[in-house]
Amino acid sequence: MEEFIPNLIDEPVNALLTKIPTREEIKHEVFDLNKDGALDPDGFGACFYQTYWEIIQNDVVNAVLEFFTIEWMLPNFNPNTIILIPKSPISDSIDQYSHIALANFKFKIISKDPDWLPFFPT
């Protein structure tokens, strides 16, 4: 059956996709996120993680590495809260609102376009 399924990913790309990020790469991603951005649903944003990195780094790194090594994440890692922002003072239909999604910070680290994942041209 394998002969009928095309191989779209070669070994070098597969190695990049399955590579475990280092502590330094995770820290880089934490400090690359906008510290003045919107808070997460839990009330913590990049500013908190960057300010208290020396205290919380082991917990953050371990949580991210757990995802990459056992391919599982805590159920609350990927909740998103959608916020609607009116485009004008009088907004009475959905098209008159902009939206933003607030995501958990650790999920942002995992899903960010990190250095350890390659760019796939189309």
PDB file of N, CA and C in Angstrom:
ATOM      1  N   MET A   1       0.818  -1.198   0.000  1.00  0.00           N
ATOM      2  CA  MET A   1       0.000   0.000   0.000  1.00  0.00           C
ATOM      3  C   MET A   1       0.862   1.263   0.000  1.00  0.00           C
ATOM      4  N   GLU A   2       2.047   1.217   0.610  1.00  0.00           N
ATOM      5  CA  GLU A   2       2.910   2.400   0.696  1.00  0.00           C
ATOM      6  C   GLU A   2       3.331   2.924  -0.673  1.00  0.00           C
ATOM      7  N   GLU A   3       3.389   2.039  -1.678  1.00  0.00           N
ATOM      8  CA  GLU A   3       3.811   2.496  -3.000  1.00  0.00           C
ATOM      9  C   GLU A   3       2.796   3.428  -3.652  1.00  0.00           C
ATOM     10  N   PHE A   4       1.548   3.451  -3.126  1.00  0.00           N
ATOM     11  CA  PHE A   4       0.506   4.314  -3.675  1.00  0.00           C
ATOM     12  C   PHE A   4       0.407   5.666  -2.959  1.00  0.00           C
ATOM     13  N   ILE A   5       1.089   5.785  -1.861  1.00  0.00           N
ATOM     14  CA  ILE A   5       1.062   7.032  -1.089  1.00  0.00           C
ATOM     15  C   ILE A   5       2.378   7.766  -1.347  1.00  0.00           C
ATOM     16  N   PRO A   6       2.301   8.944  -1.961  1.00  0.00           N
ATOM     17  CA  PRO A   6       3.549   9.653  -2.286  1.00  0.00           C
ATOM     18  C   PRO A   6       4.245  10.175  -1.026  1.00  0.00           C
ATOM     19  N   ASN A   7       5.569  10.162  -1.070  1.00  0.00           N
ATOM     20  CA  ASN A   7       6.383  10.724   0.002  1.00  0.00           C
ATOM     21  C   ASN A   7       6.555  12.208  -0.272  1.00  0.00           C
ATOM     22  N   LEU A   8       5.933  13.055   0.539  1.00  0.00           N
ATOM     23  CA  LEU A   8       6.011  14.495   0.326  1.00  0.00           C
ATOM     24  C   LEU A   8       7.100  15.139   1.163  1.00  0.00           C
ATOM     25  N   ILE A   9       7.604  14.410   2.145  1.00  0.00           N
ATOM     26  CA  ILE A   9       8.632  14.947   3.038  1.00  0.00           C
ATOM     27  C   ILE A   9       9.847  14.041   2.961  1.00  0.00           C
ATOM     28  N   ASP A  10      11.008  14.636   2.645  1.00  0.00           N
ATOM     29  CA  ASP A  10      12.227  13.838   2.588  1.00  0.00           C
ATOM     30  C   ASP A  10      12.863  13.752   3.984  1.00  0.00           C
ATOM     31  N   GLU A  11      13.904  12.965   4.113  1.00  0.00           N
ATOM     32  CA  GLU A  11      14.527  12.728   5.421  1.00  0.00           C
ATOM     33  C   GLU A  11      15.073  13.993   6.091  1.00  0.00           C
ATOM     34  N   PRO A  12      15.757  14.900   5.369  1.00  0.00           N
ATOM     35  CA  PRO A  12      16.234  16.122   6.044  1.00  0.00           C
ATOM     36  C   PRO A  12      15.094  16.976   6.613  1.00  0.00           C
ATOM     37  N   VAL A  13      13.999  17.100   5.864  1.00  0.00           N
ATOM     38  CA  VAL A  13      12.854  17.872   6.352  1.00  0.00           C
ATOM     39  C   VAL A  13      12.203  17.150   7.527  1.00  0.00           C
ATOM     40  N   ASN A  14      12.088  15.824   7.443  1.00  0.00           N
ATOM     41  CA  ASN A  14      11.521  15.050   8.545  1.00  0.00           C
ATOM     42  C   ASN A  14      12.362  15.220   9.812  1.00  0.00           C
ATOM     43  N   ALA A  15      13.678  15.250   9.654  1.00  0.00           N
ATOM     44  CA  ALA A  15      14.553  15.451  10.810  1.00  0.00           C
ATOM     45  C   ALA A  15      14.296  16.815  11.453  1.00  0.00           C
ATOM     46  N   LEU A  16      14.077  17.848  10.639  1.00  0.00           N
ATOM     47  CA  LEU A  16      13.767  19.174  11.178  1.00  0.00           C
ATOM     48  C   LEU A  16      12.416  19.191  11.886  1.00  0.00           C
ATOM     49  N   LEU A  17      11.437  18.501  11.308  1.00  0.00           N
ATOM     50  CA  LEU A  17      10.094  18.481  11.894  1.00  0.00           C
ATOM     51  C   LEU A  17      10.044  17.737  13.220  1.00  0.00           C
ATOM     52  N   THR A  18      10.900  16.760  13.382  1.00  0.00           N
ATOM     53  CA  THR A  18      10.865  15.942  14.596  1.00  0.00           C
ATOM     54  C   THR A  18      11.941  16.339  15.605  1.00  0.00           C
ATOM     55  N   LYS A  19      12.688  17.375  15.304  1.00  0.00           N
ATOM     56  CA  LYS A  19      13.745  17.853  16.201  1.00  0.00           C
ATOM     57  C   LYS A  19      13.135  18.458  17.470  1.00  0.00           C
ATOM     58  N   ILE A  20      13.706  18.132  18.598  1.00  0.00           N
ATOM     59  CA  ILE A  20      13.261  18.677  19.882  1.00  0.00           C
ATOM     60  C   ILE A  20      13.938  20.038  20.071  1.00  0.00           C
ATOM     61  N   PRO A  21      13.176  21.091  20.393  1.00  0.00           N
ATOM     62  CA  PRO A  21      13.797  22.407  20.590  1.00  0.00           C
ATOM     63  C   PRO A  21      14.695  22.417  21.829  1.00  0.00           C
ATOM     64  N   THR A  22      15.708  23.230  21.788  1.00  0.00           N
ATOM     65  CA  THR A  22      16.603  23.374  22.938  1.00  0.00           C
ATOM     66  C   THR A  22      16.031  24.411  23.897  1.00  0.00           C
ATOM     67  N   ARG A  23      16.592  24.447  25.108  1.00  0.00           N
ATOM     68  CA  ARG A  23      16.195  25.464  26.093  1.00  0.00           C
ATOM     69  C   ARG A  23      16.416  26.863  25.521  1.00  0.00           C
ATOM     70  N   GLU A  24      17.528  27.037  24.812  1.00  0.00           N
ATOM     71  CA  GLU A  24      17.853  28.351  24.252  1.00  0.00           C
ATOM     72  C   GLU A  24      16.844  28.755  23.176  1.00  0.00           C
ATOM     73  N   GLU A  25      16.424  27.797  22.349  1.00  0.00           N
ATOM     74  CA  GLU A  25      15.435  28.111  21.317  1.00  0.00           C
ATOM     75  C   GLU A  25      14.085  28.483  21.935  1.00  0.00           C
ATOM     76  N   ILE A  26      13.704  27.777  22.991  1.00  0.00           N
ATOM     77  CA  ILE A  26      12.447  28.096  23.669  1.00  0.00           C
ATOM     78  C   ILE A  26      12.525  29.481  24.292  1.00  0.00           C
ATOM     79  N   LYS A  27      13.648  29.783  24.952  1.00  0.00           N
ATOM     80  CA  LYS A  27      13.818  31.116  25.547  1.00  0.00           C
ATOM     81  C   LYS A  27      13.753  32.181  24.461  1.00  0.00           C
ATOM     82  N   HIS A  28      14.393  31.933  23.334  1.00  0.00           N
ATOM     83  CA  HIS A  28      14.367  32.895  22.227  1.00  0.00           C
ATOM     84  C   HIS A  28      12.927  33.167  21.795  1.00  0.00           C
ATOM     85  N   GLU A  29      12.106  32.116  21.690  1.00  0.00           N
ATOM     86  CA  GLU A  29      10.712  32.296  21.287  1.00  0.00           C
ATOM     87  C   GLU A  29       9.924  33.087  22.323  1.00  0.00           C
ATOM     88  N   VAL A  30      10.202  32.850  23.604  1.00  0.00           N
ATOM     89  CA  VAL A  30       9.520  33.593  24.670  1.00  0.00           C
ATOM     90  C   VAL A  30       9.832  35.082  24.551  1.00  0.00           C
ATOM     91  N   PHE A  31      11.096  35.406  24.341  1.00  0.00           N
ATOM     92  CA  PHE A  31      11.490  36.811  24.299  1.00  0.00           C
ATOM     93  C   PHE A  31      11.244  37.448  22.938  1.00  0.00           C
ATOM     94  N   ASP A  32      10.888  36.643  21.944  1.00  0.00           N
ATOM     95  CA  ASP A  32      10.565  37.173  20.633  1.00  0.00           C
ATOM     96  C   ASP A  32       9.105  37.631  20.549  1.00  0.00           C
ATOM     97  N   LEU A  33       8.268  37.157  21.469  1.00  0.00           N
ATOM     98  CA  LEU A  33       6.854  37.557  21.464  1.00  0.00           C
ATOM     99  C   LEU A  33       6.691  38.967  22.034  1.00  0.00           C
ATOM    100  N   ASN A  34       5.685  39.673  21.563  1.00  0.00           N
ATOM    101  CA  ASN A  34       5.443  41.061  21.948  1.00  0.00           C
ATOM    102  C   ASN A  34       5.064  41.161  23.425  1.00  0.00           C
ATOM    103  N   LYS A  35       5.923  41.782  24.223  1.00  0.00           N
ATOM    104  CA  LYS A  35       5.641  41.873  25.661  1.00  0.00           C
ATOM    105  C   LYS A  35       4.496  42.830  25.977  1.00  0.00           C
ATOM    106  N   ASP A  36       4.135  43.669  25.025  1.00  0.00           N
ATOM    107  CA  ASP A  36       3.024  44.597  25.234  1.00  0.00           C
ATOM    108  C   ASP A  36       1.736  44.090  24.599  1.00  0.00           C
ATOM    109  N   GLY A  37       1.727  42.844  24.131  1.00  0.00           N
ATOM    110  CA  GLY A  37       0.540  42.275  23.492  1.00  0.00           C
ATOM    111  C   GLY A  37      -0.561  41.992  24.510  1.00  0.00           C
ATOM    112  N   ALA A  38      -1.695  41.565  23.978  1.00  0.00           N
ATOM    113  CA  ALA A  38      -2.853  41.261  24.825  1.00  0.00           C
ATOM    114  C   ALA A  38      -2.534  40.126  25.789  1.00  0.00           C
ATOM    115  N   LEU A  39      -3.164  40.185  26.951  1.00  0.00           N
ATOM    116  CA  LEU A  39      -2.990  39.121  27.942  1.00  0.00           C
ATOM    117  C   LEU A  39      -3.666  37.845  27.461  1.00  0.00           C
ATOM    118  N   ASP A  40      -3.205  36.734  27.991  1.00  0.00           N
ATOM    119  CA  ASP A  40      -3.808  35.444  27.691  1.00  0.00           C
ATOM    120  C   ASP A  40      -5.115  35.310  28.453  1.00  0.00           C
ATOM    121  N   PRO A  41      -5.903  34.285  28.136  1.00  0.00           N
ATOM    122  CA  PRO A  41      -7.143  34.069  28.890  1.00  0.00           C
ATOM    123  C   PRO A  41      -6.905  33.907  30.391  1.00  0.00           C
ATOM    124  N   ASP A  42      -5.719  33.414  30.766  1.00  0.00           N
ATOM    125  CA  ASP A  42      -5.422  33.248  32.197  1.00  0.00           C
ATOM    126  C   ASP A  42      -4.908  34.535  32.841  1.00  0.00           C
ATOM    127  N   GLY A  43      -4.779  35.613  32.071  1.00  0.00           N
ATOM    128  CA  GLY A  43      -4.352  36.895  32.613  1.00  0.00           C
ATOM    129  C   GLY A  43      -2.854  37.145  32.559  1.00  0.00           C
ATOM    130  N   PHE A  44      -2.101  36.170  32.051  1.00  0.00           N
ATOM    131  CA  PHE A  44      -0.652  36.330  31.944  1.00  0.00           C
ATOM    132  C   PHE A  44      -0.273  36.503  30.489  1.00  0.00           C
ATOM    133  N   GLY A  45       0.619  37.430  30.222  1.00  0.00           N
ATOM    134  CA  GLY A  45       1.075  37.658  28.859  1.00  0.00           C
ATOM    135  C   GLY A  45       2.576  37.558  28.773  1.00  0.00           C
ATOM    136  N   ALA A  46       3.115  37.922  27.623  1.00  0.00           N
ATOM    137  CA  ALA A  46       4.550  37.825  27.384  1.00  0.00           C
ATOM    138  C   ALA A  46       5.346  38.635  28.402  1.00  0.00           C
ATOM    139  N   CYS A  47       4.832  39.774  28.815  1.00  0.00           N
ATOM    140  CA  CYS A  47       5.534  40.620  29.783  1.00  0.00           C
ATOM    141  C   CYS A  47       5.808  39.841  31.072  1.00  0.00           C
ATOM    142  N   PHE A  48       4.814  39.099  31.557  1.00  0.00           N
ATOM    143  CA  PHE A  48       4.990  38.292  32.776  1.00  0.00           C
ATOM    144  C   PHE A  48       6.091  37.253  32.573  1.00  0.00           C
ATOM    145  N   TYR A  49       6.002  36.501  31.459  1.00  0.00           N
ATOM    146  CA  TYR A  49       6.968  35.434  31.215  1.00  0.00           C
ATOM    147  C   TYR A  49       8.377  35.985  31.031  1.00  0.00           C
ATOM    148  N   GLN A  50       8.511  37.118  30.371  1.00  0.00           N
ATOM    149  CA  GLN A  50       9.833  37.706  30.157  1.00  0.00           C
ATOM    150  C   GLN A  50      10.394  38.302  31.443  1.00  0.00           C
ATOM    151  N   THR A  51       9.547  38.958  32.232  1.00  0.00           N
ATOM    152  CA  THR A  51       9.992  39.586  33.475  1.00  0.00           C
ATOM    153  C   THR A  51      10.428  38.548  34.507  1.00  0.00           C
ATOM    154  N   TYR A  52       9.670  37.463  34.619  1.00  0.00           N
ATOM    155  CA  TYR A  52       9.940  36.454  35.644  1.00  0.00           C
ATOM    156  C   TYR A  52      10.582  35.190  35.083  1.00  0.00           C
ATOM    157  N   TRP A  53      11.234  35.308  33.935  1.00  0.00           N
ATOM    158  CA  TRP A  53      11.825  34.159  33.265  1.00  0.00           C
ATOM    159  C   TRP A  53      12.752  33.357  34.180  1.00  0.00           C
ATOM    160  N   GLU A  54      13.586  34.027  34.940  1.00  0.00           N
ATOM    161  CA  GLU A  54      14.541  33.319  35.802  1.00  0.00           C
ATOM    162  C   GLU A  54      13.837  32.429  36.821  1.00  0.00           C
ATOM    163  N   ILE A  55      12.634  32.798  37.227  1.00  0.00           N
ATOM    164  CA  ILE A  55      11.888  32.022  38.222  1.00  0.00           C
ATOM    165  C   ILE A  55      11.085  30.901  37.556  1.00  0.00           C
ATOM    166  N   ILE A  56      10.484  31.164  36.405  1.00  0.00           N
ATOM    167  CA  ILE A  56       9.535  30.219  35.803  1.00  0.00           C
ATOM    168  C   ILE A  56      10.091  29.433  34.620  1.00  0.00           C
ATOM    169  N   GLN A  57      11.330  29.691  34.234  1.00  0.00           N
ATOM    170  CA  GLN A  57      11.858  29.089  33.009  1.00  0.00           C
ATOM    171  C   GLN A  57      11.803  27.563  33.006  1.00  0.00           C
ATOM    172  N   ASN A  58      12.105  26.915  34.124  1.00  0.00           N
ATOM    173  CA  ASN A  58      12.082  25.446  34.137  1.00  0.00           C
ATOM    174  C   ASN A  58      10.683  24.911  33.876  1.00  0.00           C
ATOM    175  N   ASP A  59       9.668  25.538  34.468  1.00  0.00           N
ATOM    176  CA  ASP A  59       8.293  25.089  34.246  1.00  0.00           C
ATOM    177  C   ASP A  59       7.869  25.292  32.793  1.00  0.00           C
ATOM    178  N   VAL A  60       8.225  26.437  32.227  1.00  0.00           N
ATOM    179  CA  VAL A  60       7.844  26.731  30.839  1.00  0.00           C
ATOM    180  C   VAL A  60       8.571  25.781  29.886  1.00  0.00           C
ATOM    181  N   VAL A  61       9.874  25.646  30.053  1.00  0.00           N
ATOM    182  CA  VAL A  61      10.656  24.769  29.174  1.00  0.00           C
ATOM    183  C   VAL A  61      10.158  23.331  29.284  1.00  0.00           C
ATOM    184  N   ASN A  62       9.921  22.858  30.504  1.00  0.00           N
ATOM    185  CA  ASN A  62       9.447  21.482  30.681  1.00  0.00           C
ATOM    186  C   ASN A  62       8.088  21.263  30.032  1.00  0.00           C
ATOM    187  N   ALA A  63       7.201  22.246  30.116  1.00  0.00           N
ATOM    188  CA  ALA A  63       5.878  22.119  29.497  1.00  0.00           C
ATOM    189  C   ALA A  63       5.994  22.047  27.976  1.00  0.00           C
ATOM    190  N   VAL A  64       6.844  22.882  27.398  1.00  0.00           N
ATOM    191  CA  VAL A  64       7.025  22.875  25.946  1.00  0.00           C
ATOM    192  C   VAL A  64       7.693  21.571  25.508  1.00  0.00           C
ATOM    193  N   LEU A  65       8.729  21.145  26.221  1.00  0.00           N
ATOM    194  CA  LEU A  65       9.413  19.899  25.865  1.00  0.00           C
ATOM    195  C   LEU A  65       8.502  18.686  26.024  1.00  0.00           C
ATOM    196  N   GLU A  66       7.619  18.722  27.011  1.00  0.00           N
ATOM    197  CA  GLU A  66       6.671  17.623  27.192  1.00  0.00           C
ATOM    198  C   GLU A  66       5.807  17.454  25.945  1.00  0.00           C
ATOM    199  N   PHE A  67       5.376  18.572  25.379  1.00  0.00           N
ATOM    200  CA  PHE A  67       4.575  18.500  24.154  1.00  0.00           C
ATOM    201  C   PHE A  67       5.372  17.837  23.034  1.00  0.00           C
ATOM    202  N   PHE A  68       6.628  18.230  22.855  1.00  0.00           N
ATOM    203  CA  PHE A  68       7.430  17.710  21.755  1.00  0.00           C
ATOM    204  C   PHE A  68       7.903  16.277  21.985  1.00  0.00           C
ATOM    205  N   THR A  69       8.029  15.844  23.230  1.00  0.00           N
ATOM    206  CA  THR A  69       8.550  14.500  23.482  1.00  0.00           C
ATOM    207  C   THR A  69       7.457  13.448  23.627  1.00  0.00           C
ATOM    208  N   ILE A  70       6.338  13.786  24.279  1.00  0.00           N
ATOM    209  CA  ILE A  70       5.284  12.781  24.421  1.00  0.00           C
ATOM    210  C   ILE A  70       4.040  13.125  23.600  1.00  0.00           C
ATOM    211  N   GLU A  71       4.121  14.224  22.843  1.00  0.00           N
ATOM    212  CA  GLU A  71       3.050  14.628  21.927  1.00  0.00           C
ATOM    213  C   GLU A  71       1.700  14.770  22.626  1.00  0.00           C
ATOM    214  N   TRP A  72       1.721  15.379  23.773  1.00  0.00           N
ATOM    215  CA  TRP A  72       0.509  15.604  24.560  1.00  0.00           C
ATOM    216  C   TRP A  72       0.632  16.962  25.225  1.00  0.00           C
ATOM    217  N   MET A  73      -0.466  17.659  25.348  1.00  0.00           N
ATOM    218  CA  MET A  73      -0.446  18.926  26.066  1.00  0.00           C
ATOM    219  C   MET A  73      -1.625  18.967  27.030  1.00  0.00           C
ATOM    220  N   LEU A  74      -1.441  19.707  28.096  1.00  0.00           N
ATOM    221  CA  LEU A  74      -2.514  19.857  29.058  1.00  0.00           C
ATOM    222  C   LEU A  74      -3.761  20.394  28.364  1.00  0.00           C
ATOM    223  N   PRO A  75      -4.944  19.973  28.799  1.00  0.00           N
ATOM    224  CA  PRO A  75      -6.178  20.394  28.128  1.00  0.00           C
ATOM    225  C   PRO A  75      -6.353  21.912  28.026  1.00  0.00           C
ATOM    226  N   ASN A  76      -5.841  22.663  28.974  1.00  0.00           N
ATOM    227  CA  ASN A  76      -6.039  24.114  28.958  1.00  0.00           C
ATOM    228  C   ASN A  76      -4.957  24.875  28.193  1.00  0.00           C
ATOM    229  N   PHE A  77      -4.062  24.163  27.503  1.00  0.00           N
ATOM    230  CA  PHE A  77      -3.016  24.844  26.741  1.00  0.00           C
ATOM    231  C   PHE A  77      -3.540  25.511  25.489  1.00  0.00           C
ATOM    232  N   ASN A  78      -4.637  25.032  24.940  1.00  0.00           N
ATOM    233  CA  ASN A  78      -5.104  25.567  23.668  1.00  0.00           C
ATOM    234  C   ASN A  78      -6.509  26.160  23.724  1.00  0.00           C
ATOM    235  N   PRO A  79      -6.880  26.812  24.830  1.00  0.00           N
ATOM    236  CA  PRO A  79      -8.156  27.518  24.782  1.00  0.00           C
ATOM    237  C   PRO A  79      -7.940  28.879  24.117  1.00  0.00           C
ATOM    238  N   ASN A  80      -8.904  29.330  23.408  1.00  0.00           N
ATOM    239  CA  ASN A  80      -8.834  30.664  22.810  1.00  0.00           C
ATOM    240  C   ASN A  80     -10.093  31.417  23.187  1.00  0.00           C
ATOM    241  N   THR A  81      -9.936  32.681  23.441  1.00  0.00           N
ATOM    242  CA  THR A  81     -11.068  33.545  23.707  1.00  0.00           C
ATOM    243  C   THR A  81     -11.145  34.537  22.556  1.00  0.00           C
ATOM    244  N   ILE A  82     -12.271  34.563  21.878  1.00  0.00           N
ATOM    245  CA  ILE A  82     -12.458  35.493  20.769  1.00  0.00           C
ATOM    246  C   ILE A  82     -13.081  36.774  21.319  1.00  0.00           C
ATOM    247  N   ILE A  83     -12.442  37.904  21.043  1.00  0.00           N
ATOM    248  CA  ILE A  83     -12.926  39.206  21.487  1.00  0.00           C
ATOM    249  C   ILE A  83     -13.347  40.005  20.249  1.00  0.00           C
ATOM    250  N   LEU A  84     -14.536  40.557  20.289  1.00  0.00           N
ATOM    251  CA  LEU A  84     -15.015  41.403  19.197  1.00  0.00           C
ATOM    252  C   LEU A  84     -14.839  42.867  19.574  1.00  0.00           C
ATOM    253  N   ILE A  85     -14.232  43.619  18.685  1.00  0.00           N
ATOM    254  CA  ILE A  85     -13.957  45.038  18.921  1.00  0.00           C
ATOM    255  C   ILE A  85     -14.735  45.852  17.897  1.00  0.00           C
ATOM    256  N   PRO A  86     -15.628  46.745  18.360  1.00  0.00           N
ATOM    257  CA  PRO A  86     -16.417  47.532  17.405  1.00  0.00           C
ATOM    258  C   PRO A  86     -15.523  48.448  16.561  1.00  0.00           C
ATOM    259  N   LYS A  87     -15.822  48.515  15.269  1.00  0.00           N
ATOM    260  CA  LYS A  87     -15.071  49.386  14.359  1.00  0.00           C
ATOM    261  C   LYS A  87     -15.555  50.826  14.433  1.00  0.00           C
ATOM    262  N   SER A  88     -16.785  51.016  14.909  1.00  0.00           N
ATOM    263  CA  SER A  88     -17.344  52.364  15.035  1.00  0.00           C
ATOM    264  C   SER A  88     -18.182  52.422  16.308  1.00  0.00           C
ATOM    265  N   PRO A  89     -18.504  53.625  16.775  1.00  0.00           N
ATOM    266  CA  PRO A  89     -19.290  53.754  18.014  1.00  0.00           C
ATOM    267  C   PRO A  89     -20.648  53.056  17.949  1.00  0.00           C
ATOM    268  N   ILE A  90     -21.237  53.013  16.761  1.00  0.00           N
ATOM    269  CA  ILE A  90     -22.521  52.330  16.607  1.00  0.00           C
ATOM    270  C   ILE A  90     -22.292  51.130  15.694  1.00  0.00           C
ATOM    271  N   SER A  91     -22.186  49.955  16.302  1.00  0.00           N
ATOM    272  CA  SER A  91     -21.970  48.720  15.545  1.00  0.00           C
ATOM    273  C   SER A  91     -23.132  47.787  15.824  1.00  0.00           C
ATOM    274  N   ASP A  92     -23.944  47.555  14.807  1.00  0.00           N
ATOM    275  CA  ASP A  92     -25.121  46.728  15.029  1.00  0.00           C
ATOM    276  C   ASP A  92     -25.165  45.463  14.168  1.00  0.00           C
ATOM    277  N   SER A  93     -24.071  45.161  13.471  1.00  0.00           N
ATOM    278  CA  SER A  93     -23.994  43.888  12.745  1.00  0.00           C
ATOM    279  C   SER A  93     -22.561  43.356  12.850  1.00  0.00           C
ATOM    280  N   ILE A  94     -22.424  42.056  12.664  1.00  0.00           N
ATOM    281  CA  ILE A  94     -21.144  41.385  12.897  1.00  0.00           C
ATOM    282  C   ILE A  94     -20.019  41.916  12.000  1.00  0.00           C
ATOM    283  N   ASP A  95     -20.328  42.375  10.807  1.00  0.00           N
ATOM    284  CA  ASP A  95     -19.292  42.885   9.907  1.00  0.00           C
ATOM    285  C   ASP A  95     -18.729  44.229  10.369  1.00  0.00           C
ATOM    286  N   GLN A  96     -19.326  44.817  11.377  1.00  0.00           N
ATOM    287  CA  GLN A  96     -18.824  46.092  11.911  1.00  0.00           C
ATOM    288  C   GLN A  96     -17.914  45.879  13.123  1.00  0.00           C
ATOM    289  N   TYR A  97     -17.446  44.652  13.283  1.00  0.00           N
ATOM    290  CA  TYR A  97     -16.536  44.318  14.381  1.00  0.00           C
ATOM    291  C   TYR A  97     -15.255  43.696  13.841  1.00  0.00           C
ATOM    292  N   SER A  98     -14.146  44.007  14.481  1.00  0.00           N
ATOM    293  CA  SER A  98     -12.892  43.296  14.256  1.00  0.00           C
ATOM    294  C   SER A  98     -12.780  42.269  15.369  1.00  0.00           C
ATOM    295  N   HIS A  99     -11.992  41.244  15.142  1.00  0.00           N
ATOM    296  CA  HIS A  99     -11.843  40.232  16.179  1.00  0.00           C
ATOM    297  C   HIS A  99     -10.367  39.955  16.468  1.00  0.00           C
ATOM    298  N   ILE A 100     -10.106  39.561  17.693  1.00  0.00           N
ATOM    299  CA  ILE A 100      -8.791  39.062  18.075  1.00  0.00           C
ATOM    300  C   ILE A 100      -9.023  37.776  18.866  1.00  0.00           C
ATOM    301  N   ALA A 101      -8.054  36.895  18.811  1.00  0.00           N
ATOM    302  CA  ALA A 101      -8.125  35.649  19.576  1.00  0.00           C
ATOM    303  C   ALA A 101      -7.030  35.683  20.627  1.00  0.00           C
ATOM    304  N   LEU A 102      -7.407  35.464  21.872  1.00  0.00           N
ATOM    305  CA  LEU A 102      -6.443  35.404  22.963  1.00  0.00           C
ATOM    306  C   LEU A 102      -6.124  33.940  23.217  1.00  0.00           C
ATOM    307  N   ALA A 103      -4.848  33.565  23.088  1.00  0.00           N
ATOM    308  CA  ALA A 103      -4.426  32.179  23.256  1.00  0.00           C
ATOM    309  C   ALA A 103      -3.485  32.060  24.446  1.00  0.00           C
ATOM    310  N   ASN A 104      -3.402  30.861  25.002  1.00  0.00           N
ATOM    311  CA  ASN A 104      -2.498  30.567  26.102  1.00  0.00           C
ATOM    312  C   ASN A 104      -1.061  30.796  25.655  1.00  0.00           C
ATOM    313  N   PHE A 105      -0.240  31.408  26.521  1.00  0.00           N
ATOM    314  CA  PHE A 105       1.121  31.779  26.154  1.00  0.00           C
ATOM    315  C   PHE A 105       1.977  30.569  25.797  1.00  0.00           C
ATOM    316  N   LYS A 106       1.866  29.480  26.549  1.00  0.00           N
ATOM    317  CA  LYS A 106       2.677  28.298  26.245  1.00  0.00           C
ATOM    318  C   LYS A 106       2.289  27.720  24.888  1.00  0.00           C
ATOM    319  N   PHE A 107       1.008  27.788  24.548  1.00  0.00           N
ATOM    320  CA  PHE A 107       0.596  27.329  23.228  1.00  0.00           C
ATOM    321  C   PHE A 107       1.164  28.250  22.146  1.00  0.00           C
ATOM    322  N   LYS A 108       1.254  29.544  22.435  1.00  0.00           N
ATOM    323  CA  LYS A 108       1.868  30.467  21.471  1.00  0.00           C
ATOM    324  C   LYS A 108       3.316  30.080  21.204  1.00  0.00           C
ATOM    325  N   ILE A 109       4.024  29.671  22.252  1.00  0.00           N
ATOM    326  CA  ILE A 109       5.426  29.264  22.090  1.00  0.00           C
ATOM    327  C   ILE A 109       5.499  28.021  21.208  1.00  0.00           C
ATOM    328  N   ILE A 110       4.639  27.036  21.497  1.00  0.00           N
ATOM    329  CA  ILE A 110       4.650  25.786  20.735  1.00  0.00           C
ATOM    330  C   ILE A 110       4.257  26.021  19.287  1.00  0.00           C
ATOM    331  N   SER A 111       3.265  26.844  19.042  1.00  0.00           N
ATOM    332  CA  SER A 111       2.728  27.003  17.693  1.00  0.00           C
ATOM    333  C   SER A 111       3.346  28.143  16.906  1.00  0.00           C
ATOM    334  N   LYS A 112       4.179  28.959  17.550  1.00  0.00           N
ATOM    335  CA  LYS A 112       4.812  30.080  16.860  1.00  0.00           C
ATOM    336  C   LYS A 112       5.656  29.549  15.718  1.00  0.00           C
ATOM    337  N   ASP A 113       5.922  30.344  14.718  1.00  0.00           N
ATOM    338  CA  ASP A 113       6.764  29.926  13.604  1.00  0.00           C
ATOM    339  C   ASP A 113       8.203  29.875  14.102  1.00  0.00           C
ATOM    340  N   PRO A 114       8.567  28.815  14.805  1.00  0.00           N
ATOM    341  CA  PRO A 114       9.872  28.773  15.462  1.00  0.00           C
ATOM    342  C   PRO A 114      11.007  28.442  14.513  1.00  0.00           C
ATOM    343  N   ASP A 115      12.205  28.705  14.984  1.00  0.00           N
ATOM    344  CA  ASP A 115      13.404  28.430  14.198  1.00  0.00           C
ATOM    345  C   ASP A 115      13.578  26.935  13.947  1.00  0.00           C
ATOM    346  N   TRP A 116      13.019  26.089  14.819  1.00  0.00           N
ATOM    347  CA  TRP A 116      13.242  24.658  14.636  1.00  0.00           C
ATOM    348  C   TRP A 116      12.281  24.021  13.644  1.00  0.00           C
ATOM    349  N   LEU A 117      11.329  24.790  13.067  1.00  0.00           N
ATOM    350  CA  LEU A 117      10.466  24.249  12.024  1.00  0.00           C
ATOM    351  C   LEU A 117      10.796  24.939  10.707  1.00  0.00           C
ATOM    352  N   PRO A 118      10.888  24.170   9.626  1.00  0.00           N
ATOM    353  CA  PRO A 118      11.251  24.767   8.341  1.00  0.00           C
ATOM    354  C   PRO A 118      10.073  25.475   7.683  1.00  0.00           C
ATOM    355  N   PHE A 119      10.398  26.304   6.737  1.00  0.00           N
ATOM    356  CA  PHE A 119       9.385  26.970   5.921  1.00  0.00           C
ATOM    357  C   PHE A 119       9.177  26.098   4.683  1.00  0.00           C
ATOM    358  N   PHE A 120       7.919  25.788   4.395  1.00  0.00           N
ATOM    359  CA  PHE A 120       7.606  24.978   3.228  1.00  0.00           C
ATOM    360  C   PHE A 120       7.090  25.859   2.108  1.00  0.00           C
ATOM    361  N   PRO A 121       7.848  26.027   1.014  1.00  0.00           N
ATOM    362  CA  PRO A 121       7.316  26.804  -0.104  1.00  0.00           C
ATOM    363  C   PRO A 121       6.199  26.027  -0.791  1.00  0.00           C
ATOM    364  N   THR A 122       5.280  26.752  -1.408  1.00  0.00           N
ATOM    365  CA  THR A 122       4.167  26.080  -2.091  1.00  0.00           C
ATOM    366  C   THR A 122       4.505  25.825  -3.532  1.00  0.00           C
TER     367      THR A 122
END
